[in-house]
Amino acid sequence: MLQQILAICGSVSIIGGAGAVVYKIIYPALHLGHRVQQLEEHSENDYQRLKGLEEMQKQQSKCLAAMLNHQITGNGIESMKKIRDELLESIIDK
């Protein structure tokens, strides 16, 4: 009777130890997958933000070029109006 109880306790101990080892191996892999997913989402968000900033910089460069041309030649008002409208539309959309 005592040997059966000790055998049962030993088997429970072995199964518990094996479960702990499996948990310690599987949990980090699952956690790593979650972290990689978060990093991919952040990377995509950063990429979209950089694209938006690049577009804004292009609009500002067009505006500066139009103002320089106007200062030099004194005309090009229609071009400046068009660029102003594009810049305002870009600002409002953001």
Protein backbone atom coordinates (compact mmCIF):
# COMPACT_ATOMS: atom_id res chain seq x y z
CA MET A 1 0.00 0.00 0.00
CA LEU A 2 2.77 2.45 0.93
CA GLN A 3 4.67 1.55 -2.23
CA GLN A 4 1.60 2.32 -4.36
CA ILE A 5 1.20 5.75 -2.72
CA LEU A 6 4.90 6.49 -3.24
CA ALA A 7 4.64 5.33 -6.86
CA ILE A 8 1.63 7.60 -7.45
CA CYS A 9 3.42 10.56 -5.81
CA GLY A 10 6.52 9.88 -7.91
CA SER A 11 4.53 9.76 -11.15
CA VAL A 12 2.72 12.99 -10.24
CA SER A 13 6.09 14.60 -9.53
CA ILE A 14 7.52 13.43 -12.86
CA ILE A 15 4.47 14.59 -14.81
CA GLY A 16 4.56 17.98 -13.01
CA GLY A 17 8.26 18.40 -13.77
CA ALA A 18 7.72 17.52 -17.42
CA GLY A 19 4.83 20.00 -17.59
CA ALA A 20 7.02 22.73 -16.10
CA VAL A 21 9.75 22.06 -18.66
CA VAL A 22 7.27 22.13 -21.54
CA TYR A 23 5.76 25.38 -20.22
CA LYS A 24 9.20 26.98 -19.92
CA ILE A 25 9.95 26.07 -23.54
CA ILE A 26 6.60 26.97 -25.12
CA TYR A 27 5.75 30.19 -23.25
CA PRO A 28 8.80 32.20 -24.43
CA ALA A 29 8.08 31.17 -28.03
CA LEU A 30 4.47 32.35 -27.76
CA HIS A 31 5.53 35.55 -26.02
CA LEU A 32 8.15 36.20 -28.69
CA GLY A 33 5.51 35.85 -31.40
CA HIS A 34 3.34 38.45 -29.67
CA ARG A 35 6.27 40.86 -29.35
CA VAL A 36 7.17 40.44 -33.03
CA GLN A 37 3.57 41.22 -33.98
CA GLN A 38 3.63 44.40 -31.89
CA LEU A 39 6.92 45.48 -33.47
CA GLU A 40 5.52 44.90 -36.95
CA GLU A 41 2.48 47.05 -36.14
CA HIS A 42 4.68 49.83 -34.78
CA SER A 43 6.94 49.59 -37.81
CA GLU A 44 3.97 49.94 -40.17
CA ASN A 45 2.65 52.93 -38.21
CA ASP A 46 6.08 54.58 -38.32
CA TYR A 47 6.34 53.95 -42.06
CA GLN A 48 2.94 55.53 -42.72
CA ARG A 49 3.88 58.52 -40.57
CA LEU A 50 7.15 58.98 -42.47
CA LYS A 51 5.31 58.84 -45.79
CA GLY A 52 2.98 61.57 -44.54
CA LEU A 53 5.89 63.73 -43.46
CA GLU A 54 7.58 63.22 -46.81
CA GLU A 55 4.45 64.39 -48.64
CA MET A 56 4.22 67.46 -46.42
CA GLN A 57 7.86 68.26 -47.09
CA LYS A 58 7.24 68.02 -50.84
CA GLN A 59 4.32 70.45 -50.53
CA GLN A 60 6.44 72.89 -48.53
CA SER A 61 9.26 72.67 -51.07
CA LYS A 62 6.83 73.48 -53.90
CA CYS A 63 5.56 76.43 -51.92
CA LEU A 64 9.06 77.75 -51.31
CA ALA A 65 9.98 77.35 -54.99
CA ALA A 66 6.86 79.26 -56.05
CA MET A 67 7.61 82.06 -53.59
CA LEU A 68 11.20 82.30 -54.83
CA ASN A 69 10.04 82.46 -58.44
CA HIS A 70 7.53 85.15 -57.53
CA GLN A 71 10.19 87.18 -55.71
CA ILE A 72 12.53 86.91 -58.69
CA THR A 73 10.09 87.50 -61.55
CA GLY A 74 7.16 89.19 -59.86
CA ASN A 75 4.62 86.94 -61.56
CA GLY A 76 3.46 83.34 -61.27
CA ILE A 77 0.52 84.26 -59.07
CA GLU A 78 -1.71 81.57 -60.57
CA SER A 79 0.92 78.94 -59.78
CA MET A 80 1.14 80.23 -56.21
CA LYS A 81 -2.66 80.03 -55.82
CA LYS A 82 -2.68 76.45 -57.09
CA ILE A 83 0.12 75.43 -54.72
CA ARG A 84 -1.60 77.24 -51.83
CA ASP A 85 -4.78 75.26 -52.46
CA GLU A 86 -2.83 71.99 -52.60
CA LEU A 87 -1.00 72.85 -49.38
CA LEU A 88 -4.22 73.76 -47.57
CA GLU A 89 -5.88 70.57 -48.77
CA SER A 90 -2.90 68.54 -47.58
CA ILE A 91 -2.96 70.22 -44.16
CA ILE A 92 -6.71 69.71 -43.76
CA ASP A 93 -6.48 66.02 -44.74
CA LYS A 94 -3.87 65.34 -42.08
